[in-house]
Amino acid sequence: MNRPPLTPAQEQIYTYIMEYQKVHKNRTPSLREIGSGFIDGKQVIPERKSKGSTYKLVKTLVKKEYVTQKFWKNVPYWVVDDDKQDS
């Protein structure tokens, strides 16, 4: 699959979601967790102060087809499909 390249900020968010999925097999990160940059007490990416800017970056990842947006009780969450992690 040929997807558009990511900016450095988008790459950080994408990396965070992938790492979070590896650590927490049955959970996906919330916007607050993505913005914090922490996974199990370890800083994985730099902290982001604004949930709005974090959400915008995540939506761009959805648009570029790096992550899939799903909903649970009208609450969005984002997953990296296993076949996309190696691309």
PDB file of N, CA and C in Angstrom:
ATOM      1  N   MET A   1       0.850  -1.176   0.000  1.00  0.00           N
ATOM      2  CA  MET A   1       0.000   0.000   0.000  1.00  0.00           C
ATOM      3  C   MET A   1       0.894   1.236   0.000  1.00  0.00           C
ATOM      4  N   ASN A   2       0.560   2.189  -0.836  1.00  0.00           N
ATOM      5  CA  ASN A   2       1.335   3.416  -0.951  1.00  0.00           C
ATOM      6  C   ASN A   2       0.562   4.557  -0.285  1.00  0.00           C
ATOM      7  N   ARG A   3       0.982   4.938   0.927  1.00  0.00           N
ATOM      8  CA  ARG A   3       0.292   5.992   1.678  1.00  0.00           C
ATOM      9  C   ARG A   3       1.130   7.264   1.669  1.00  0.00           C
ATOM     10  N   PRO A   4       0.479   8.408   1.845  1.00  0.00           N
ATOM     11  CA  PRO A   4       1.227   9.672   1.912  1.00  0.00           C
ATOM     12  C   PRO A   4       2.191   9.666   3.099  1.00  0.00           C
ATOM     13  N   PRO A   5       3.316  10.351   2.971  1.00  0.00           N
ATOM     14  CA  PRO A   5       4.274  10.406   4.085  1.00  0.00           C
ATOM     15  C   PRO A   5       3.715  11.187   5.270  1.00  0.00           C
ATOM     16  N   LEU A   6       4.287  10.933   6.439  1.00  0.00           N
ATOM     17  CA  LEU A   6       3.856  11.605   7.662  1.00  0.00           C
ATOM     18  C   LEU A   6       4.814  12.737   8.027  1.00  0.00           C
ATOM     19  N   THR A   7       4.257  13.780   8.636  1.00  0.00           N
ATOM     20  CA  THR A   7       5.089  14.831   9.203  1.00  0.00           C
ATOM     21  C   THR A   7       5.707  14.291  10.499  1.00  0.00           C
ATOM     22  N   PRO A   8       6.726  14.942  11.040  1.00  0.00           N
ATOM     23  CA  PRO A   8       7.304  14.470  12.309  1.00  0.00           C
ATOM     24  C   PRO A   8       6.273  14.363  13.444  1.00  0.00           C
ATOM     25  N   ALA A   9       5.365  15.317  13.552  1.00  0.00           N
ATOM     26  CA  ALA A   9       4.344  15.281  14.603  1.00  0.00           C
ATOM     27  C   ALA A   9       3.385  14.109  14.394  1.00  0.00           C
ATOM     28  N   GLN A  10       2.982  13.873  13.144  1.00  0.00           N
ATOM     29  CA  GLN A  10       2.103  12.744  12.840  1.00  0.00           C
ATOM     30  C   GLN A  10       2.811  11.424  13.136  1.00  0.00           C
ATOM     31  N   GLU A  11       4.092  11.358  12.817  1.00  0.00           N
ATOM     32  CA  GLU A  11       4.887  10.145  13.071  1.00  0.00           C
ATOM     33  C   GLU A  11       4.936   9.847  14.575  1.00  0.00           C
ATOM     34  N   GLN A  12       5.047  10.887  15.402  1.00  0.00           N
ATOM     35  CA  GLN A  12       5.062  10.686  16.851  1.00  0.00           C
ATOM     36  C   GLN A  12       3.748  10.082  17.346  1.00  0.00           C
ATOM     37  N   ILE A  13       2.645  10.623  16.880  1.00  0.00           N
ATOM     38  CA  ILE A  13       1.330  10.125  17.301  1.00  0.00           C
ATOM     39  C   ILE A  13       1.139   8.684  16.822  1.00  0.00           C
ATOM     40  N   TYR A  14       1.521   8.417  15.589  1.00  0.00           N
ATOM     41  CA  TYR A  14       1.411   7.069  15.025  1.00  0.00           C
ATOM     42  C   TYR A  14       2.252   6.080  15.844  1.00  0.00           C
ATOM     43  N   THR A  15       3.468   6.466  16.172  1.00  0.00           N
ATOM     44  CA  THR A  15       4.347   5.628  16.980  1.00  0.00           C
ATOM     45  C   THR A  15       3.732   5.362  18.348  1.00  0.00           C
ATOM     46  N   TYR A  16       3.164   6.393  18.950  1.00  0.00           N
ATOM     47  CA  TYR A  16       2.541   6.237  20.261  1.00  0.00           C
ATOM     48  C   TYR A  16       1.403   5.220  20.203  1.00  0.00           C
ATOM     49  N   ILE A  17       0.521   5.351  19.226  1.00  0.00           N
ATOM     50  CA  ILE A  17      -0.618   4.433  19.129  1.00  0.00           C
ATOM     51  C   ILE A  17      -0.126   3.002  18.916  1.00  0.00           C
ATOM     52  N   MET A  18       0.881   2.807  18.060  1.00  0.00           N
ATOM     53  CA  MET A  18       1.423   1.465  17.834  1.00  0.00           C
ATOM     54  C   MET A  18       2.022   0.894  19.123  1.00  0.00           C
ATOM     55  N   GLU A  19       2.817   1.691  19.820  1.00  0.00           N
ATOM     56  CA  GLU A  19       3.455   1.219  21.050  1.00  0.00           C
ATOM     57  C   GLU A  19       2.411   0.907  22.127  1.00  0.00           C
ATOM     58  N   TYR A  20       1.393   1.754  22.218  1.00  0.00           N
ATOM     59  CA  TYR A  20       0.337   1.546  23.199  1.00  0.00           C
ATOM     60  C   TYR A  20      -0.373   0.227  22.930  1.00  0.00           C
ATOM     61  N   GLN A  21      -0.662  -0.046  21.667  1.00  0.00           N
ATOM     62  CA  GLN A  21      -1.325  -1.300  21.299  1.00  0.00           C
ATOM     63  C   GLN A  21      -0.454  -2.510  21.620  1.00  0.00           C
ATOM     64  N   LYS A  22       0.852  -2.386  21.512  1.00  0.00           N
ATOM     65  CA  LYS A  22       1.744  -3.499  21.846  1.00  0.00           C
ATOM     66  C   LYS A  22       1.721  -3.790  23.348  1.00  0.00           C
ATOM     67  N   VAL A  23       1.681  -2.726  24.165  1.00  0.00           N
ATOM     68  CA  VAL A  23       1.704  -2.883  25.618  1.00  0.00           C
ATOM     69  C   VAL A  23       0.341  -3.304  26.158  1.00  0.00           C
ATOM     70  N   HIS A  24      -0.720  -2.663  25.680  1.00  0.00           N
ATOM     71  CA  HIS A  24      -2.086  -2.906  26.148  1.00  0.00           C
ATOM     72  C   HIS A  24      -2.875  -3.581  25.033  1.00  0.00           C
ATOM     73  N   LYS A  25      -2.839  -4.876  24.984  1.00  0.00           N
ATOM     74  CA  LYS A  25      -3.425  -5.643  23.868  1.00  0.00           C
ATOM     75  C   LYS A  25      -4.916  -5.369  23.661  1.00  0.00           C
ATOM     76  N   ASN A  26      -5.666  -5.151  24.714  1.00  0.00           N
ATOM     77  CA  ASN A  26      -7.116  -5.010  24.603  1.00  0.00           C
ATOM     78  C   ASN A  26      -7.619  -3.589  24.799  1.00  0.00           C
ATOM     79  N   ARG A  27      -6.721  -2.612  24.774  1.00  0.00           N
ATOM     80  CA  ARG A  27      -7.116  -1.217  24.953  1.00  0.00           C
ATOM     81  C   ARG A  27      -6.478  -0.342  23.903  1.00  0.00           C
ATOM     82  N   THR A  28      -7.130   0.764  23.627  1.00  0.00           N
ATOM     83  CA  THR A  28      -6.552   1.778  22.756  1.00  0.00           C
ATOM     84  C   THR A  28      -6.433   3.064  23.571  1.00  0.00           C
ATOM     85  N   PRO A  29      -5.506   3.941  23.212  1.00  0.00           N
ATOM     86  CA  PRO A  29      -5.302   5.146  24.018  1.00  0.00           C
ATOM     87  C   PRO A  29      -6.390   6.193  23.803  1.00  0.00           C
ATOM     88  N   SER A  30      -6.676   6.931  24.873  1.00  0.00           N
ATOM     89  CA  SER A  30      -7.578   8.073  24.764  1.00  0.00           C
ATOM     90  C   SER A  30      -6.770   9.267  24.257  1.00  0.00           C
ATOM     91  N   LEU A  31      -7.471  10.328  23.895  1.00  0.00           N
ATOM     92  CA  LEU A  31      -6.771  11.551  23.483  1.00  0.00           C
ATOM     93  C   LEU A  31      -5.896  12.081  24.611  1.00  0.00           C
ATOM     94  N   ARG A  32      -6.389  11.996  25.829  1.00  0.00           N
ATOM     95  CA  ARG A  32      -5.615  12.467  26.981  1.00  0.00           C
ATOM     96  C   ARG A  32      -4.334  11.659  27.125  1.00  0.00           C
ATOM     97  N   GLU A  33      -4.425  10.340  26.954  1.00  0.00           N
ATOM     98  CA  GLU A  33      -3.233   9.491  27.051  1.00  0.00           C
ATOM     99  C   GLU A  33      -2.251   9.783  25.922  1.00  0.00           C
ATOM    100  N   ILE A  34      -2.769   9.947  24.706  1.00  0.00           N
ATOM    101  CA  ILE A  34      -1.897  10.284  23.575  1.00  0.00           C
ATOM    102  C   ILE A  34      -1.193  11.605  23.844  1.00  0.00           C
ATOM    103  N   GLY A  35      -1.954  12.582  24.318  1.00  0.00           N
ATOM    104  CA  GLY A  35      -1.388  13.901  24.601  1.00  0.00           C
ATOM    105  C   GLY A  35      -0.331  13.878  25.694  1.00  0.00           C
ATOM    106  N   SER A  36      -0.486  12.981  26.653  1.00  0.00           N
ATOM    107  CA  SER A  36       0.497  12.901  27.751  1.00  0.00           C
ATOM    108  C   SER A  36       1.831  12.362  27.252  1.00  0.00           C
ATOM    109  N   GLY A  37       1.765  11.459  26.264  1.00  0.00           N
ATOM    110  CA  GLY A  37       2.989  10.869  25.732  1.00  0.00           C
ATOM    111  C   GLY A  37       3.534   9.726  26.563  1.00  0.00           C
ATOM    112  N   PHE A  38       2.861   9.380  27.664  1.00  0.00           N
ATOM    113  CA  PHE A  38       3.330   8.329  28.560  1.00  0.00           C
ATOM    114  C   PHE A  38       2.648   6.991  28.277  1.00  0.00           C
ATOM    115  N   ILE A  39       3.420   5.920  28.386  1.00  0.00           N
ATOM    116  CA  ILE A  39       2.880   4.569  28.391  1.00  0.00           C
ATOM    117  C   ILE A  39       3.515   3.865  29.574  1.00  0.00           C
ATOM    118  N   ASP A  40       2.699   3.464  30.546  1.00  0.00           N
ATOM    119  CA  ASP A  40       3.167   2.789  31.759  1.00  0.00           C
ATOM    120  C   ASP A  40       4.311   3.539  32.444  1.00  0.00           C
ATOM    121  N   GLY A  41       4.163   4.849  32.573  1.00  0.00           N
ATOM    122  CA  GLY A  41       5.142   5.655  33.281  1.00  0.00           C
ATOM    123  C   GLY A  41       6.379   6.034  32.491  1.00  0.00           C
ATOM    124  N   LYS A  42       6.446   5.611  31.245  1.00  0.00           N
ATOM    125  CA  LYS A  42       7.604   5.923  30.405  1.00  0.00           C
ATOM    126  C   LYS A  42       7.201   6.934  29.334  1.00  0.00           C
ATOM    127  N   GLN A  43       7.961   8.026  29.216  1.00  0.00           N
ATOM    128  CA  GLN A  43       7.682   9.049  28.204  1.00  0.00           C
ATOM    129  C   GLN A  43       8.098   8.510  26.839  1.00  0.00           C
ATOM    130  N   VAL A  44       7.117   8.275  25.962  1.00  0.00           N
ATOM    131  CA  VAL A  44       7.375   7.701  24.635  1.00  0.00           C
ATOM    132  C   VAL A  44       7.514   8.796  23.583  1.00  0.00           C
ATOM    133  N   ILE A  45       6.669   9.815  23.693  1.00  0.00           N
ATOM    134  CA  ILE A  45       6.706  10.964  22.785  1.00  0.00           C
ATOM    135  C   ILE A  45       6.570  12.226  23.627  1.00  0.00           C
ATOM    136  N   PRO A  46       6.933  13.390  23.078  1.00  0.00           N
ATOM    137  CA  PRO A  46       6.767  14.637  23.845  1.00  0.00           C
ATOM    138  C   PRO A  46       5.297  14.911  24.173  1.00  0.00           C
ATOM    139  N   GLU A  47       5.069  15.507  25.328  1.00  0.00           N
ATOM    140  CA  GLU A  47       3.715  15.853  25.768  1.00  0.00           C
ATOM    141  C   GLU A  47       3.124  16.932  24.874  1.00  0.00           C
ATOM    142  N   ARG A  48       1.826  16.839  24.635  1.00  0.00           N
ATOM    143  CA  ARG A  48       1.082  17.847  23.883  1.00  0.00           C
ATOM    144  C   ARG A  48       0.062  18.462  24.830  1.00  0.00           C
ATOM    145  N   LYS A  49       0.042  19.772  24.894  1.00  0.00           N
ATOM    146  CA  LYS A  49      -0.837  20.475  25.836  1.00  0.00           C
ATOM    147  C   LYS A  49      -2.290  20.514  25.375  1.00  0.00           C
ATOM    148  N   SER A  50      -2.508  20.539  24.063  1.00  0.00           N
ATOM    149  CA  SER A  50      -3.848  20.733  23.522  1.00  0.00           C
ATOM    150  C   SER A  50      -4.451  19.432  23.006  1.00  0.00           C
ATOM    151  N   LYS A  51      -5.646  19.080  23.547  1.00  0.00           N
ATOM    152  CA  LYS A  51      -6.344  17.914  23.016  1.00  0.00           C
ATOM    153  C   LYS A  51      -6.807  18.175  21.584  1.00  0.00           C
ATOM    154  N   GLY A  52      -7.085  19.441  21.272  1.00  0.00           N
ATOM    155  CA  GLY A  52      -7.529  19.794  19.919  1.00  0.00           C
ATOM    156  C   GLY A  52      -6.469  19.507  18.870  1.00  0.00           C
ATOM    157  N   SER A  53      -5.235  19.870  19.166  1.00  0.00           N
ATOM    158  CA  SER A  53      -4.162  19.616  18.197  1.00  0.00           C
ATOM    159  C   SER A  53      -3.861  18.122  18.103  1.00  0.00           C
ATOM    160  N   THR A  54      -3.965  17.416  19.224  1.00  0.00           N
ATOM    161  CA  THR A  54      -3.767  15.965  19.218  1.00  0.00           C
ATOM    162  C   THR A  54      -4.836  15.310  18.359  1.00  0.00           C
ATOM    163  N   TYR A  55      -6.088  15.737  18.537  1.00  0.00           N
ATOM    164  CA  TYR A  55      -7.194  15.171  17.769  1.00  0.00           C
ATOM    165  C   TYR A  55      -7.008  15.436  16.269  1.00  0.00           C
ATOM    166  N   LYS A  56      -6.565  16.623  15.943  1.00  0.00           N
ATOM    167  CA  LYS A  56      -6.337  16.977  14.538  1.00  0.00           C
ATOM    168  C   LYS A  56      -5.276  16.058  13.911  1.00  0.00           C
ATOM    169  N   LEU A  57      -4.215  15.781  14.650  1.00  0.00           N
ATOM    170  CA  LEU A  57      -3.167  14.880  14.150  1.00  0.00           C
ATOM    171  C   LEU A  57      -3.701  13.462  13.971  1.00  0.00           C
ATOM    172  N   VAL A  58      -4.517  13.004  14.917  1.00  0.00           N
ATOM    173  CA  VAL A  58      -5.090  11.662  14.819  1.00  0.00           C
ATOM    174  C   VAL A  58      -6.028  11.581  13.614  1.00  0.00           C
ATOM    175  N   LYS A  59      -6.852  12.599  13.416  1.00  0.00           N
ATOM    176  CA  LYS A  59      -7.769  12.615  12.270  1.00  0.00           C
ATOM    177  C   LYS A  59      -6.998  12.582  10.949  1.00  0.00           C
ATOM    178  N   THR A  60      -5.850  13.239  10.905  1.00  0.00           N
ATOM    179  CA  THR A  60      -5.009  13.206   9.706  1.00  0.00           C
ATOM    180  C   THR A  60      -4.478  11.792   9.473  1.00  0.00           C
ATOM    181  N   LEU A  61      -4.117  11.095  10.550  1.00  0.00           N
ATOM    182  CA  LEU A  61      -3.664   9.709  10.419  1.00  0.00           C
ATOM    183  C   LEU A  61      -4.777   8.815   9.880  1.00  0.00           C
ATOM    184  N   VAL A  62      -6.006   9.090  10.282  1.00  0.00           N
ATOM    185  CA  VAL A  62      -7.159   8.345   9.750  1.00  0.00           C
ATOM    186  C   VAL A  62      -7.316   8.635   8.266  1.00  0.00           C
ATOM    187  N   LYS A  63      -7.244   9.907   7.912  1.00  0.00           N
ATOM    188  CA  LYS A  63      -7.400  10.310   6.514  1.00  0.00           C
ATOM    189  C   LYS A  63      -6.311   9.696   5.633  1.00  0.00           C
ATOM    190  N   LYS A  64      -5.089   9.622   6.152  1.00  0.00           N
ATOM    191  CA  LYS A  64      -3.972   9.046   5.390  1.00  0.00           C
ATOM    192  C   LYS A  64      -3.939   7.515   5.482  1.00  0.00           C
ATOM    193  N   GLU A  65      -4.911   6.951   6.207  1.00  0.00           N
ATOM    194  CA  GLU A  65      -5.093   5.499   6.339  1.00  0.00           C
ATOM    195  C   GLU A  65      -3.965   4.805   7.101  1.00  0.00           C
ATOM    196  N   TYR A  66      -3.375   5.493   8.068  1.00  0.00           N
ATOM    197  CA  TYR A  66      -2.389   4.870   8.950  1.00  0.00           C
ATOM    198  C   TYR A  66      -3.073   4.219  10.149  1.00  0.00           C
ATOM    199  N   VAL A  67      -4.202   4.793  10.584  1.00  0.00           N
ATOM    200  CA  VAL A  67      -4.988   4.210  11.666  1.00  0.00           C
ATOM    201  C   VAL A  67      -6.451   4.150  11.233  1.00  0.00           C
ATOM    202  N   THR A  68      -7.198   3.294  11.901  1.00  0.00           N
ATOM    203  CA  THR A  68      -8.622   3.151  11.635  1.00  0.00           C
ATOM    204  C   THR A  68      -9.386   3.710  12.819  1.00  0.00           C
ATOM    205  N   GLN A  69     -10.380   4.538  12.545  1.00  0.00           N
ATOM    206  CA  GLN A  69     -11.221   5.068  13.611  1.00  0.00           C
ATOM    207  C   GLN A  69     -12.424   4.168  13.772  1.00  0.00           C
ATOM    208  N   LYS A  70     -12.696   3.803  15.012  1.00  0.00           N
ATOM    209  CA  LYS A  70     -13.865   3.002  15.349  1.00  0.00           C
ATOM    210  C   LYS A  70     -14.599   3.706  16.474  1.00  0.00           C
ATOM    211  N   PHE A  71     -15.783   3.220  16.792  1.00  0.00           N
ATOM    212  CA  PHE A  71     -16.573   3.837  17.859  1.00  0.00           C
ATOM    213  C   PHE A  71     -17.067   2.792  18.840  1.00  0.00           C
ATOM    214  N   TRP A  72     -17.082   3.150  20.112  1.00  0.00           N
ATOM    215  CA  TRP A  72     -17.683   2.350  21.162  1.00  0.00           C
ATOM    216  C   TRP A  72     -18.567   3.291  21.962  1.00  0.00           C
ATOM    217  N   LYS A  73     -19.872   3.049  21.906  1.00  0.00           N
ATOM    218  CA  LYS A  73     -20.846   3.921  22.584  1.00  0.00           C
ATOM    219  C   LYS A  73     -20.620   5.390  22.220  1.00  0.00           C
ATOM    220  N   ASN A  74     -20.491   5.665  20.965  1.00  0.00           N
ATOM    221  CA  ASN A  74     -20.277   7.014  20.422  1.00  0.00           C
ATOM    222  C   ASN A  74     -18.956   7.662  20.836  1.00  0.00           C
ATOM    223  N   VAL A  75     -18.034   6.893  21.384  1.00  0.00           N
ATOM    224  CA  VAL A  75     -16.721   7.409  21.751  1.00  0.00           C
ATOM    225  C   VAL A  75     -15.712   6.870  20.731  1.00  0.00           C
ATOM    226  N   PRO A  76     -15.016   7.768  20.042  1.00  0.00           N
ATOM    227  CA  PRO A  76     -14.067   7.293  19.033  1.00  0.00           C
ATOM    228  C   PRO A  76     -12.813   6.694  19.662  1.00  0.00           C
ATOM    229  N   TYR A  77     -12.262   5.721  18.976  1.00  0.00           N
ATOM    230  CA  TYR A  77     -10.948   5.198  19.339  1.00  0.00           C
ATOM    231  C   TYR A  77     -10.242   4.814  18.050  1.00  0.00           C
ATOM    232  N   TRP A  78      -8.929   4.657  18.131  1.00  0.00           N
ATOM    233  CA  TRP A  78      -8.128   4.476  16.927  1.00  0.00           C
ATOM    234  C   TRP A  78      -7.218   3.276  17.084  1.00  0.00           C
ATOM    235  N   VAL A  79      -7.138   2.477  16.038  1.00  0.00           N
ATOM    236  CA  VAL A  79      -6.294   1.291  16.062  1.00  0.00           C
ATOM    237  C   VAL A  79      -5.414   1.255  14.824  1.00  0.00           C
ATOM    238  N   VAL A  80      -4.245   0.667  14.996  1.00  0.00           N
ATOM    239  CA  VAL A  80      -3.351   0.400  13.871  1.00  0.00           C
ATOM    240  C   VAL A  80      -3.550  -1.065  13.544  1.00  0.00           C
ATOM    241  N   ASP A  81      -4.002  -1.352  12.346  1.00  0.00           N
ATOM    242  CA  ASP A  81      -4.201  -2.734  11.943  1.00  0.00           C
ATOM    243  C   ASP A  81      -2.860  -3.440  11.863  1.00  0.00           C
ATOM    244  N   ASP A  82      -2.838  -4.707  12.196  1.00  0.00           N
ATOM    245  CA  ASP A  82      -1.584  -5.479  12.176  1.00  0.00           C
ATOM    246  C   ASP A  82      -0.901  -5.436  10.834  1.00  0.00           C
ATOM    247  N   ASP A  83      -1.678  -5.479   9.740  1.00  0.00           N
ATOM    248  CA  ASP A  83      -1.061  -5.478   8.407  1.00  0.00           C
ATOM    249  C   ASP A  83      -0.489  -4.114   8.026  1.00  0.00           C
ATOM    250  N   LYS A  84      -0.884  -3.051   8.739  1.00  0.00           N
ATOM    251  CA  LYS A  84      -0.356  -1.710   8.438  1.00  0.00           C
ATOM    252  C   LYS A  84       0.894  -1.387   9.240  1.00  0.00           C
ATOM    253  N   GLN A  85       1.135  -2.101  10.329  1.00  0.00           N
ATOM    254  CA  GLN A  85       2.288  -1.800  11.176  1.00  0.00           C
ATOM    255  C   GLN A  85       3.604  -2.055  10.471  1.00  0.00           C
ATOM    256  N   ASP A  86       3.645  -3.011   9.563  1.00  0.00           N
ATOM    257  CA  ASP A  86       4.892  -3.352   8.889  1.00  0.00           C
ATOM    258  C   ASP A  86       5.146  -2.524   7.650  1.00  0.00           C
ATOM    259  N   SER A  87       4.164  -1.755   7.191  1.00  0.00           N
ATOM    260  CA  SER A  87       4.300  -0.971   5.952  1.00  0.00           C
ATOM    261  C   SER A  87       5.178   0.226   6.154  1.00  0.00           C
TER     262      SER A  87
END
